[in-house]
Amino acid sequence: MPTRTVLFVLFDGLQSIDVSGPLEVFAGANRRPTGPHYDIVTASLGGEPVTSSGGLRLMPDVDLADAPVPHTLVVPGGHGTRKPDPSLIAWLRERAGSAERLVSVCTGALLLAEAGLLSGRRVTSHWSVCGALARRYPDITVDPDPIFVRDGALSTSAGVTAGIDLALALVEEDLGRKTALTIARHLVMFLRRPGNQAQFSTQLSAQLADQPRLREVQVWIADHPAEDLSVEALARRANLSPRQFARAFTAEVGESPGRYVDAVRLETARRLLEESDDGVEQVGRRSGYGTTEAMRRAFVRTLGVSPGEYRRRF
């Protein structure tokens, strides 16, 4: 099998882990007995050293002008994407289309968008820039929730470690699940978070209610997912009528009690599948699902995989 060239674009102000994380995944494949599988190349404008946002100095292999045509082109994110060098944007506009796979990590999507490479595509990026990305480039469909999105030959990921998840998915596509699993184990990573897994946990992504009694209900839900979490039961805990409770909860938390409970139960089930030895049926009961089939439907609807398949990926 011929080696695939993976080209990492370097520039001042990049986030170093956006490069080093995915790079270690591809390098891990090269350490397999069947390797090497990837020719890993780093390049910058003029072949000049670059400094990451954290102060790490990186020496590229080649000048971007002399870089080989890659199979996979990886564009990292970082503070340097906010005011990019026009010469870098011009290079991307001219050369990125020649790659068989185009990949951005974190806010690297901003560079691809500025180069006109995301028009009509579905993408994601770091949660903090998704709103601005959608407003500035209305011809792009920006999904702020998944950790990575694959749209044909284009792949975009959320922030920081999501680039590692995306790289593992690409290696799995190229070399199979067994190789990707071995690399993930060496990196002490789960293999692999589904691309449509949310960037945040339920408790982080939802708003925290201002009213103390509603905050207490949120805590109760998280600690007791298998209890009766109907609107009527939760309203009694908040000492409100069901109608008052539903309206106040939705206004302060940003979603209805039912949707919030669904998200907490799904997150609980995911965590139990990852961390415990409980069978799927027991996980369903502990997470508050009435039946195993109800849990399966929730997993397929939200994550695109069954509970059993989700466990096998971790």
C-alpha atoms as a PDB file:
ATOM      1  CA  MET A   1       0.000   0.000   0.000  1.00  0.00           C
ATOM      2  CA  PRO A   2       1.524   3.374  -0.982  1.00  0.00           C
ATOM      3  CA  THR A   3       2.096   5.960   1.734  1.00  0.00           C
ATOM      4  CA  ARG A   4      -0.299   8.892   1.957  1.00  0.00           C
ATOM      5  CA  THR A   5       1.162  12.365   2.388  1.00  0.00           C
ATOM      6  CA  VAL A   6      -0.309  14.286   5.322  1.00  0.00           C
ATOM      7  CA  LEU A   7       0.569  17.978   5.166  1.00  0.00           C
ATOM      8  CA  PHE A   8       0.189  20.185   8.248  1.00  0.00           C
ATOM      9  CA  VAL A   9      -0.005  23.925   7.595  1.00  0.00           C
ATOM     10  CA  LEU A  10       1.920  25.956  10.188  1.00  0.00           C
ATOM     11  CA  PHE A  11       1.546  29.668  10.977  1.00  0.00           C
ATOM     12  CA  ASP A  12       2.242  32.025  13.853  1.00  0.00           C
ATOM     13  CA  GLY A  13      -0.357  31.858  16.601  1.00  0.00           C
ATOM     14  CA  LEU A  14      -1.502  28.309  15.913  1.00  0.00           C
ATOM     15  CA  GLN A  15      -2.545  26.106  18.821  1.00  0.00           C
ATOM     16  CA  SER A  16       0.190  23.527  19.147  1.00  0.00           C
ATOM     17  CA  ILE A  17      -2.065  20.622  20.168  1.00  0.00           C
ATOM     18  CA  ASP A  18      -4.092  21.123  16.976  1.00  0.00           C
ATOM     19  CA  VAL A  19      -0.937  19.999  15.166  1.00  0.00           C
ATOM     20  CA  SER A  20       0.717  17.635  17.637  1.00  0.00           C
ATOM     21  CA  GLY A  21      -2.461  15.734  18.551  1.00  0.00           C
ATOM     22  CA  PRO A  22      -3.497  14.628  15.045  1.00  0.00           C
ATOM     23  CA  LEU A  23       0.171  14.285  14.024  1.00  0.00           C
ATOM     24  CA  GLU A  24       0.764  11.740  16.795  1.00  0.00           C
ATOM     25  CA  VAL A  25      -2.182   9.707  15.534  1.00  0.00           C
ATOM     26  CA  PHE A  26      -0.744   9.471  12.009  1.00  0.00           C
ATOM     27  CA  ALA A  27       2.746   8.861  13.421  1.00  0.00           C
ATOM     28  CA  GLY A  28       1.319   6.074  15.561  1.00  0.00           C
ATOM     29  CA  ALA A  29       0.097   4.341  12.422  1.00  0.00           C
ATOM     30  CA  ASN A  30       3.641   4.494  11.033  1.00  0.00           C
ATOM     31  CA  ARG A  31       4.912   2.602  14.076  1.00  0.00           C
ATOM     32  CA  ARG A  32       2.702  -0.369  13.285  1.00  0.00           C
ATOM     33  CA  PRO A  33       4.487  -3.433  11.797  1.00  0.00           C
ATOM     34  CA  THR A  34       2.716  -2.858   8.489  1.00  0.00           C
ATOM     35  CA  GLY A  35       3.926   0.775   8.289  1.00  0.00           C
ATOM     36  CA  PRO A  36       4.912   3.311   7.317  1.00  0.00           C
ATOM     37  CA  HIS A  37       1.527   4.410   6.047  1.00  0.00           C
ATOM     38  CA  TYR A  38       1.869   8.189   6.112  1.00  0.00           C
ATOM     39  CA  ASP A  39       4.490  10.655   4.954  1.00  0.00           C
ATOM     40  CA  ILE A  40       4.020  13.471   7.478  1.00  0.00           C
ATOM     41  CA  VAL A  41       5.134  16.935   6.340  1.00  0.00           C
ATOM     42  CA  THR A  42       4.900  20.331   8.045  1.00  0.00           C
ATOM     43  CA  ALA A  43       5.123  23.545   6.058  1.00  0.00           C
ATOM     44  CA  SER A  44       4.892  27.307   6.571  1.00  0.00           C
ATOM     45  CA  LEU A  45       5.111  30.417   4.441  1.00  0.00           C
ATOM     46  CA  GLY A  46       8.723  30.730   3.376  1.00  0.00           C
ATOM     47  CA  GLY A  47       9.614  27.674   5.452  1.00  0.00           C
ATOM     48  CA  GLU A  48      10.057  30.033   8.416  1.00  0.00           C
ATOM     49  CA  PRO A  49       9.805  28.888  12.046  1.00  0.00           C
ATOM     50  CA  VAL A  50       6.483  29.701  13.690  1.00  0.00           C
ATOM     51  CA  THR A  51       5.509  30.344  17.289  1.00  0.00           C
ATOM     52  CA  SER A  52       2.370  28.815  18.756  1.00  0.00           C
ATOM     53  CA  SER A  53      -0.130  30.753  20.875  1.00  0.00           C
ATOM     54  CA  GLY A  54       1.452  29.108  23.924  1.00  0.00           C
ATOM     55  CA  GLY A  55       4.976  30.177  22.954  1.00  0.00           C
ATOM     56  CA  LEU A  56       6.175  26.858  21.502  1.00  0.00           C
ATOM     57  CA  ARG A  57       8.505  27.368  18.537  1.00  0.00           C
ATOM     58  CA  LEU A  58       8.029  24.992  15.612  1.00  0.00           C
ATOM     59  CA  MET A  59      10.422  24.414  12.712  1.00  0.00           C
ATOM     60  CA  PRO A  60       8.600  23.319   9.529  1.00  0.00           C
ATOM     61  CA  ASP A  61       9.990  20.778   7.111  1.00  0.00           C
ATOM     62  CA  VAL A  62       9.454  22.830   3.963  1.00  0.00           C
ATOM     63  CA  ASP A  63       8.200  26.060   2.458  1.00  0.00           C
ATOM     64  CA  LEU A  64       4.496  25.894   1.579  1.00  0.00           C
ATOM     65  CA  ALA A  65       5.481  26.914  -1.935  1.00  0.00           C
ATOM     66  CA  ASP A  66       7.493  23.692  -2.243  1.00  0.00           C
ATOM     67  CA  ALA A  67       5.148  21.408  -0.325  1.00  0.00           C
ATOM     68  CA  PRO A  68       4.079  18.173  -2.014  1.00  0.00           C
ATOM     69  CA  VAL A  69       0.508  17.690  -3.136  1.00  0.00           C
ATOM     70  CA  PRO A  70      -0.991  15.973  -0.080  1.00  0.00           C
ATOM     71  CA  HIS A  71      -3.475  13.204   0.297  1.00  0.00           C
ATOM     72  CA  THR A  72      -4.659  14.869   3.515  1.00  0.00           C
ATOM     73  CA  LEU A  73      -4.214  18.578   4.211  1.00  0.00           C
ATOM     74  CA  VAL A  74      -4.589  19.573   7.876  1.00  0.00           C
ATOM     75  CA  VAL A  75      -5.214  23.201   8.858  1.00  0.00           C
ATOM     76  CA  PRO A  76      -4.972  23.846  12.617  1.00  0.00           C
ATOM     77  CA  GLY A  77      -6.626  26.580  14.643  1.00  0.00           C
ATOM     78  CA  GLY A  78      -5.421  29.092  17.192  1.00  0.00           C
ATOM     79  CA  HIS A  79      -5.305  32.836  17.731  1.00  0.00           C
ATOM     80  CA  GLY A  80      -3.452  33.221  14.453  1.00  0.00           C
ATOM     81  CA  THR A  81      -6.661  32.432  12.541  1.00  0.00           C
ATOM     82  CA  ARG A  82      -8.265  35.713  13.626  1.00  0.00           C
ATOM     83  CA  LYS A  83      -6.092  37.955  11.436  1.00  0.00           C
ATOM     84  CA  PRO A  84      -4.437  35.540   9.007  1.00  0.00           C
ATOM     85  CA  ASP A  85      -1.645  36.405   6.612  1.00  0.00           C
ATOM     86  CA  PRO A  86      -3.253  37.105   3.201  1.00  0.00           C
ATOM     87  CA  SER A  87      -0.510  35.018   1.602  1.00  0.00           C
ATOM     88  CA  LEU A  88      -1.641  31.990   3.630  1.00  0.00           C
ATOM     89  CA  ILE A  89      -5.242  32.482   2.530  1.00  0.00           C
ATOM     90  CA  ALA A  90      -4.094  32.799  -1.074  1.00  0.00           C
ATOM     91  CA  TRP A  91      -2.095  29.562  -0.786  1.00  0.00           C
ATOM     92  CA  LEU A  92      -5.107  27.728   0.630  1.00  0.00           C
ATOM     93  CA  ARG A  93      -7.370  29.094  -2.070  1.00  0.00           C
ATOM     94  CA  GLU A  94      -4.969  27.968  -4.786  1.00  0.00           C
ATOM     95  CA  ARG A  95      -3.634  24.696  -3.429  1.00  0.00           C
ATOM     96  CA  ALA A  96      -6.050  23.187  -0.888  1.00  0.00           C
ATOM     97  CA  GLY A  97      -8.388  21.901  -3.572  1.00  0.00           C
ATOM     98  CA  SER A  98      -5.714  19.522  -4.841  1.00  0.00           C
ATOM     99  CA  ALA A  99      -5.784  17.480  -1.604  1.00  0.00           C
ATOM    100  CA  GLU A 100      -7.920  14.342  -1.568  1.00  0.00           C
ATOM    101  CA  ARG A 101      -8.995  15.147   1.995  1.00  0.00           C
ATOM    102  CA  LEU A 102      -9.231  18.616   3.508  1.00  0.00           C
ATOM    103  CA  VAL A 103      -9.227  18.800   7.304  1.00  0.00           C
ATOM    104  CA  SER A 104      -9.523  21.683   9.746  1.00  0.00           C
ATOM    105  CA  VAL A 105      -9.024  21.488  13.491  1.00  0.00           C
ATOM    106  CA  CYS A 106     -10.710  23.950  15.844  1.00  0.00           C
ATOM    107  CA  THR A 107     -10.716  27.496  14.418  1.00  0.00           C
ATOM    108  CA  GLY A 108      -8.802  26.362  11.348  1.00  0.00           C
ATOM    109  CA  ALA A 109     -12.281  26.417   9.779  1.00  0.00           C
ATOM    110  CA  LEU A 110     -12.003  30.221   9.778  1.00  0.00           C
ATOM    111  CA  LEU A 111      -9.048  30.010   7.396  1.00  0.00           C
ATOM    112  CA  LEU A 112     -10.852  27.616   5.072  1.00  0.00           C
ATOM    113  CA  ALA A 113     -13.937  29.820   5.099  1.00  0.00           C
ATOM    114  CA  GLU A 114     -11.898  32.930   4.287  1.00  0.00           C
ATOM    115  CA  ALA A 115     -10.330  31.046   1.385  1.00  0.00           C
ATOM    116  CA  GLY A 116     -13.818  30.234   0.054  1.00  0.00           C
ATOM    117  CA  LEU A 117     -13.441  26.496   0.610  1.00  0.00           C
ATOM    118  CA  LEU A 118     -16.497  25.921   2.817  1.00  0.00           C
ATOM    119  CA  SER A 119     -19.252  27.393   0.662  1.00  0.00           C
ATOM    120  CA  GLY A 120     -22.336  25.182   0.705  1.00  0.00           C
ATOM    121  CA  ARG A 121     -20.777  22.758   3.180  1.00  0.00           C
ATOM    122  CA  ARG A 122     -21.768  21.572   6.656  1.00  0.00           C
ATOM    123  CA  VAL A 123     -19.013  22.246   9.186  1.00  0.00           C
ATOM    124  CA  THR A 124     -18.212  22.640  12.850  1.00  0.00           C
ATOM    125  CA  SER A 125     -15.538  24.467  14.816  1.00  0.00           C
ATOM    126  CA  HIS A 126     -14.716  25.495  18.364  1.00  0.00           C
ATOM    127  CA  TRP A 127     -17.971  26.408  20.109  1.00  0.00           C
ATOM    128  CA  SER A 128     -16.752  29.970  20.781  1.00  0.00           C
ATOM    129  CA  VAL A 129     -16.549  30.906  17.087  1.00  0.00           C
ATOM    130  CA  CYS A 130     -19.440  28.951  15.568  1.00  0.00           C
ATOM    131  CA  GLY A 131     -21.862  31.870  15.848  1.00  0.00           C
ATOM    132  CA  ALA A 132     -19.444  34.324  14.265  1.00  0.00           C
ATOM    133  CA  LEU A 133     -18.560  31.811  11.536  1.00  0.00           C
ATOM    134  CA  ALA A 134     -22.220  31.384  10.622  1.00  0.00           C
ATOM    135  CA  ARG A 135     -22.887  35.140  10.591  1.00  0.00           C
ATOM    136  CA  ARG A 136     -19.814  36.041   8.563  1.00  0.00           C
ATOM    137  CA  TYR A 137     -20.274  33.263   6.017  1.00  0.00           C
ATOM    138  CA  PRO A 138     -24.044  32.717   5.612  1.00  0.00           C
ATOM    139  CA  ASP A 139     -23.511  30.251   2.771  1.00  0.00           C
ATOM    140  CA  ILE A 140     -21.975  27.784   5.257  1.00  0.00           C
ATOM    141  CA  THR A 141     -24.078  25.476   7.441  1.00  0.00           C
ATOM    142  CA  VAL A 142     -22.423  25.640  10.862  1.00  0.00           C
ATOM    143  CA  ASP A 143     -23.334  22.947  13.396  1.00  0.00           C
ATOM    144  CA  PRO A 144     -21.939  23.963  16.808  1.00  0.00           C
ATOM    145  CA  ASP A 145     -22.725  20.696  18.605  1.00  0.00           C
ATOM    146  CA  PRO A 146     -20.670  17.775  17.174  1.00  0.00           C
ATOM    147  CA  ILE A 147     -17.013  17.192  17.966  1.00  0.00           C
ATOM    148  CA  PHE A 148     -16.393  16.682  14.268  1.00  0.00           C
ATOM    149  CA  VAL A 149     -18.327  16.765  11.006  1.00  0.00           C
ATOM    150  CA  ARG A 150     -17.487  14.948   7.786  1.00  0.00           C
ATOM    151  CA  ASP A 151     -18.965  16.292   4.572  1.00  0.00           C
ATOM    152  CA  GLY A 152     -17.533  14.305   1.697  1.00  0.00           C
ATOM    153  CA  ALA A 153     -13.801  14.980   1.369  1.00  0.00           C
ATOM    154  CA  LEU A 154     -14.070  17.840   3.884  1.00  0.00           C
ATOM    155  CA  SER A 155     -13.703  17.175   7.611  1.00  0.00           C
ATOM    156  CA  THR A 156     -13.918  19.834  10.322  1.00  0.00           C
ATOM    157  CA  SER A 157     -13.521  19.365  14.058  1.00  0.00           C
ATOM    158  CA  ALA A 158     -14.296  21.203  17.247  1.00  0.00           C
ATOM    159  CA  GLY A 159     -11.625  22.489  19.580  1.00  0.00           C
ATOM    160  CA  VAL A 160      -8.424  21.021  20.897  1.00  0.00           C
ATOM    161  CA  THR A 161      -8.631  17.243  21.492  1.00  0.00           C
ATOM    162  CA  ALA A 162     -11.484  16.825  18.983  1.00  0.00           C
ATOM    163  CA  GLY A 163      -8.779  16.930  16.318  1.00  0.00           C
ATOM    164  CA  ILE A 164      -7.420  13.679  17.739  1.00  0.00           C
ATOM    165  CA  ASP A 165     -10.864  12.065  17.485  1.00  0.00           C
ATOM    166  CA  LEU A 166     -11.103  13.160  13.867  1.00  0.00           C
ATOM    167  CA  ALA A 167      -7.596  11.876  13.064  1.00  0.00           C
ATOM    168  CA  LEU A 168      -8.491   8.501  14.600  1.00  0.00           C
ATOM    169  CA  ALA A 169     -11.585   8.382  12.396  1.00  0.00           C
ATOM    170  CA  LEU A 170      -9.446   9.075   9.312  1.00  0.00           C
ATOM    171  CA  VAL A 171      -6.943   6.359  10.246  1.00  0.00           C
ATOM    172  CA  GLU A 172      -9.789   3.936  10.867  1.00  0.00           C
ATOM    173  CA  GLU A 173     -11.077   4.743   7.386  1.00  0.00           C
ATOM    174  CA  ASP A 174      -7.626   4.177   5.858  1.00  0.00           C
ATOM    175  CA  LEU A 175      -6.268   1.253   7.854  1.00  0.00           C
ATOM    176  CA  GLY A 176      -9.146  -0.288   9.754  1.00  0.00           C
ATOM    177  CA  ARG A 177     -10.562  -0.225  13.240  1.00  0.00           C
ATOM    178  CA  LYS A 178      -7.908  -2.476  14.783  1.00  0.00           C
ATOM    179  CA  THR A 179      -5.066  -0.099  13.868  1.00  0.00           C
ATOM    180  CA  ALA A 180      -6.999   2.945  15.083  1.00  0.00           C
ATOM    181  CA  LEU A 181      -7.843   1.164  18.340  1.00  0.00           C
ATOM    182  CA  THR A 182      -4.175   0.319  18.951  1.00  0.00           C
ATOM    183  CA  ILE A 183      -3.172   3.947  18.396  1.00  0.00           C
ATOM    184  CA  ALA A 184      -5.937   5.176  20.694  1.00  0.00           C
ATOM    185  CA  ARG A 185      -4.787   2.835  23.451  1.00  0.00           C
ATOM    186  CA  HIS A 186      -1.211   4.079  23.169  1.00  0.00           C
ATOM    187  CA  LEU A 187      -2.476   7.644  23.436  1.00  0.00           C
ATOM    188  CA  VAL A 188      -4.738   6.631  26.349  1.00  0.00           C
ATOM    189  CA  MET A 189      -7.705   7.805  24.289  1.00  0.00           C
ATOM    190  CA  PHE A 190     -11.176   6.392  23.869  1.00  0.00           C
ATOM    191  CA  LEU A 191     -11.806   4.970  20.412  1.00  0.00           C
ATOM    192  CA  ARG A 192     -13.492   6.890  19.328  1.00  0.00           C
ATOM    193  CA  ARG A 193     -16.042   9.451  20.332  1.00  0.00           C
ATOM    194  CA  PRO A 194     -18.748   9.511  17.663  1.00  0.00           C
ATOM    195  CA  GLY A 195     -18.457  12.621  15.533  1.00  0.00           C
ATOM    196  CA  ASN A 196     -21.940  13.753  16.495  1.00  0.00           C
ATOM    197  CA  GLN A 197     -21.212  13.546  20.212  1.00  0.00           C
ATOM    198  CA  ALA A 198     -21.870  16.952  21.773  1.00  0.00           C
ATOM    199  CA  GLN A 199     -18.967  19.259  22.586  1.00  0.00           C
ATOM    200  CA  PHE A 200     -20.351  19.789  26.097  1.00  0.00           C
ATOM    201  CA  SER A 201     -21.955  17.716  28.810  1.00  0.00           C
ATOM    202  CA  THR A 202     -25.590  18.492  29.603  1.00  0.00           C
ATOM    203  CA  GLN A 203     -24.621  20.369  32.749  1.00  0.00           C
ATOM    204  CA  LEU A 204     -22.071  22.501  30.888  1.00  0.00           C
ATOM    205  CA  SER A 205     -24.150  23.234  27.802  1.00  0.00           C
ATOM    206  CA  ALA A 206     -27.400  24.085  29.580  1.00  0.00           C
ATOM    207  CA  GLN A 207     -27.919  27.307  31.464  1.00  0.00           C
ATOM    208  CA  LEU A 208     -27.911  27.218  35.245  1.00  0.00           C
ATOM    209  CA  ALA A 209     -31.231  28.446  36.569  1.00  0.00           C
ATOM    210  CA  ASP A 210     -31.266  31.668  38.588  1.00  0.00           C
ATOM    211  CA  GLN A 211     -33.976  30.503  40.975  1.00  0.00           C
ATOM    212  CA  PRO A 212     -32.469  28.345  43.743  1.00  0.00           C
ATOM    213  CA  ARG A 213     -35.365  25.880  43.703  1.00  0.00           C
ATOM    214  CA  LEU A 214     -34.924  25.315  39.958  1.00  0.00           C
ATOM    215  CA  ARG A 215     -31.160  24.840  40.398  1.00  0.00           C
ATOM    216  CA  GLU A 216     -31.910  22.269  43.082  1.00  0.00           C
ATOM    217  CA  VAL A 217     -34.168  20.446  40.635  1.00  0.00           C
ATOM    218  CA  GLN A 218     -31.341  20.400  38.072  1.00  0.00           C
ATOM    219  CA  VAL A 219     -29.033  18.827  40.652  1.00  0.00           C
ATOM    220  CA  TRP A 220     -31.739  16.312  41.621  1.00  0.00           C
ATOM    221  CA  ILE A 221     -32.202  15.265  38.006  1.00  0.00           C
ATOM    222  CA  ALA A 222     -28.456  14.663  37.559  1.00  0.00           C
ATOM    223  CA  ASP A 223     -28.201  12.665  40.793  1.00  0.00           C
ATOM    224  CA  HIS A 224     -31.409  10.642  40.355  1.00  0.00           C
ATOM    225  CA  PRO A 225     -31.895   9.884  36.637  1.00  0.00           C
ATOM    226  CA  ALA A 226     -33.830   6.672  37.394  1.00  0.00           C
ATOM    227  CA  GLU A 227     -36.442   8.430  39.554  1.00  0.00           C
ATOM    228  CA  ASP A 228     -39.798   9.770  38.368  1.00  0.00           C
ATOM    229  CA  LEU A 229     -38.706  12.879  36.464  1.00  0.00           C
ATOM    230  CA  SER A 230     -42.051  13.800  34.990  1.00  0.00           C
ATOM    231  CA  VAL A 231     -43.013  17.468  34.939  1.00  0.00           C
ATOM    232  CA  GLU A 232     -45.541  16.796  37.686  1.00  0.00           C
ATOM    233  CA  ALA A 233     -42.953  15.150  39.973  1.00  0.00           C
ATOM    234  CA  LEU A 234     -40.343  17.835  39.348  1.00  0.00           C
ATOM    235  CA  ALA A 235     -42.909  20.591  39.866  1.00  0.00           C
ATOM    236  CA  ARG A 236     -43.725  19.166  43.295  1.00  0.00           C
ATOM    237  CA  ARG A 237     -40.039  19.330  44.217  1.00  0.00           C
ATOM    238  CA  ALA A 238     -39.942  22.976  43.146  1.00  0.00           C
ATOM    239  CA  ASN A 239     -43.238  23.715  44.957  1.00  0.00           C
ATOM    240  CA  LEU A 240     -44.782  24.997  41.746  1.00  0.00           C
ATOM    241  CA  SER A 241     -47.712  23.954  39.623  1.00  0.00           C
ATOM    242  CA  PRO A 242     -46.734  21.839  36.583  1.00  0.00           C
ATOM    243  CA  ARG A 243     -47.601  24.741  34.274  1.00  0.00           C
ATOM    244  CA  GLN A 244     -45.586  27.272  36.305  1.00  0.00           C
ATOM    245  CA  PHE A 245     -42.666  24.880  36.607  1.00  0.00           C
ATOM    246  CA  ALA A 246     -42.486  24.043  32.898  1.00  0.00           C
ATOM    247  CA  ARG A 247     -42.606  27.705  31.893  1.00  0.00           C
ATOM    248  CA  ALA A 248     -40.038  28.837  34.489  1.00  0.00           C
ATOM    249  CA  PHE A 249     -37.659  25.938  33.815  1.00  0.00           C
ATOM    250  CA  THR A 250     -37.733  26.477  30.050  1.00  0.00           C
ATOM    251  CA  ALA A 251     -37.191  30.229  30.441  1.00  0.00           C
ATOM    252  CA  GLU A 252     -34.222  29.878  32.793  1.00  0.00           C
ATOM    253  CA  VAL A 253     -32.525  26.707  31.529  1.00  0.00           C
ATOM    254  CA  GLY A 254     -33.105  27.285  27.840  1.00  0.00           C
ATOM    255  CA  GLU A 255     -34.904  24.018  27.119  1.00  0.00           C
ATOM    256  CA  SER A 256     -37.972  22.183  28.325  1.00  0.00           C
ATOM    257  CA  PRO A 257     -37.812  19.874  31.358  1.00  0.00           C
ATOM    258  CA  GLY A 258     -38.452  16.877  29.114  1.00  0.00           C
ATOM    259  CA  ARG A 259     -35.552  17.647  26.768  1.00  0.00           C
ATOM    260  CA  TYR A 260     -33.265  18.327  29.721  1.00  0.00           C
ATOM    261  CA  VAL A 261     -34.174  15.015  31.364  1.00  0.00           C
ATOM    262  CA  ASP A 262     -33.638  13.179  28.073  1.00  0.00           C
ATOM    263  CA  ALA A 263     -30.150  14.679  27.750  1.00  0.00           C
ATOM    264  CA  VAL A 264     -29.194  13.842  31.338  1.00  0.00           C
ATOM    265  CA  ARG A 265     -30.358  10.243  30.973  1.00  0.00           C
ATOM    266  CA  LEU A 266     -28.466   9.799  27.723  1.00  0.00           C
ATOM    267  CA  GLU A 267     -25.310  11.249  29.251  1.00  0.00           C
ATOM    268  CA  THR A 268     -25.692   8.988  32.306  1.00  0.00           C
ATOM    269  CA  ALA A 269     -26.066   5.933  30.091  1.00  0.00           C
ATOM    270  CA  ARG A 270     -23.019   6.911  28.033  1.00  0.00           C
ATOM    271  CA  ARG A 271     -20.916   7.310  31.155  1.00  0.00           C
ATOM    272  CA  LEU A 272     -22.043   3.967  32.577  1.00  0.00           C
ATOM    273  CA  LEU A 273     -21.300   2.192  29.300  1.00  0.00           C
ATOM    274  CA  GLU A 274     -17.816   3.717  29.306  1.00  0.00           C
ATOM    275  CA  GLU A 275     -16.940   3.254  32.975  1.00  0.00           C
ATOM    276  CA  SER A 276     -18.895   0.272  34.357  1.00  0.00           C
ATOM    277  CA  ASP A 277     -19.217  -3.426  33.615  1.00  0.00           C
ATOM    278  CA  ASP A 278     -23.006  -3.322  33.871  1.00  0.00           C
ATOM    279  CA  GLY A 279     -24.937  -4.977  31.092  1.00  0.00           C
ATOM    280  CA  VAL A 280     -26.908  -2.840  28.667  1.00  0.00           C
ATOM    281  CA  GLU A 281     -30.201  -3.698  30.365  1.00  0.00           C
ATOM    282  CA  GLN A 282     -28.887  -2.681  33.788  1.00  0.00           C
ATOM    283  CA  VAL A 283     -27.405   0.524  32.353  1.00  0.00           C
ATOM    284  CA  GLY A 284     -30.835   1.329  30.943  1.00  0.00           C
ATOM    285  CA  ARG A 285     -32.504   0.876  34.329  1.00  0.00           C
ATOM    286  CA  ARG A 286     -29.879   2.943  36.182  1.00  0.00           C
ATOM    287  CA  SER A 287     -30.206   5.712  33.609  1.00  0.00           C
ATOM    288  CA  GLY A 288     -33.970   5.908  33.883  1.00  0.00           C
ATOM    289  CA  TYR A 289     -35.017   4.279  30.634  1.00  0.00           C
ATOM    290  CA  GLY A 290     -38.186   2.247  30.942  1.00  0.00           C
ATOM    291  CA  THR A 291     -36.965  -0.343  28.474  1.00  0.00           C
ATOM    292  CA  THR A 292     -33.755  -1.283  26.700  1.00  0.00           C
ATOM    293  CA  GLU A 293     -35.466  -0.429  23.428  1.00  0.00           C
ATOM    294  CA  ALA A 294     -36.168   3.106  24.652  1.00  0.00           C
ATOM    295  CA  MET A 295     -32.475   3.566  25.406  1.00  0.00           C
ATOM    296  CA  ARG A 296     -31.508   2.117  22.030  1.00  0.00           C
ATOM    297  CA  ARG A 297     -33.798   4.570  20.230  1.00  0.00           C
ATOM    298  CA  ALA A 298     -32.326   7.484  22.179  1.00  0.00           C
ATOM    299  CA  PHE A 299     -28.764   6.445  21.294  1.00  0.00           C
ATOM    300  CA  VAL A 300     -29.516   5.931  17.604  1.00  0.00           C
ATOM    301  CA  ARG A 301     -31.459   9.196  17.356  1.00  0.00           C
ATOM    302  CA  THR A 302     -28.800  11.319  19.068  1.00  0.00           C
ATOM    303  CA  LEU A 303     -25.477   9.537  18.518  1.00  0.00           C
ATOM    304  CA  GLY A 304     -26.185   7.444  15.445  1.00  0.00           C
ATOM    305  CA  VAL A 305     -25.114   4.183  17.112  1.00  0.00           C
ATOM    306  CA  SER A 306     -26.721   1.590  19.386  1.00  0.00           C
ATOM    307  CA  PRO A 307     -25.653   1.292  23.065  1.00  0.00           C
ATOM    308  CA  GLY A 308     -23.785  -1.920  22.286  1.00  0.00           C
ATOM    309  CA  GLU A 309     -21.872  -0.328  19.416  1.00  0.00           C
ATOM    310  CA  TYR A 310     -21.147   2.734  21.554  1.00  0.00           C
ATOM    311  CA  ARG A 311     -19.565   0.531  24.223  1.00  0.00           C
ATOM    312  CA  ARG A 312     -17.446  -1.288  21.638  1.00  0.00           C
ATOM    313  CA  ARG A 313     -15.979   2.026  20.501  1.00  0.00           C
ATOM    314  CA  PHE A 314     -14.643   2.834  23.947  1.00  0.00           C
END
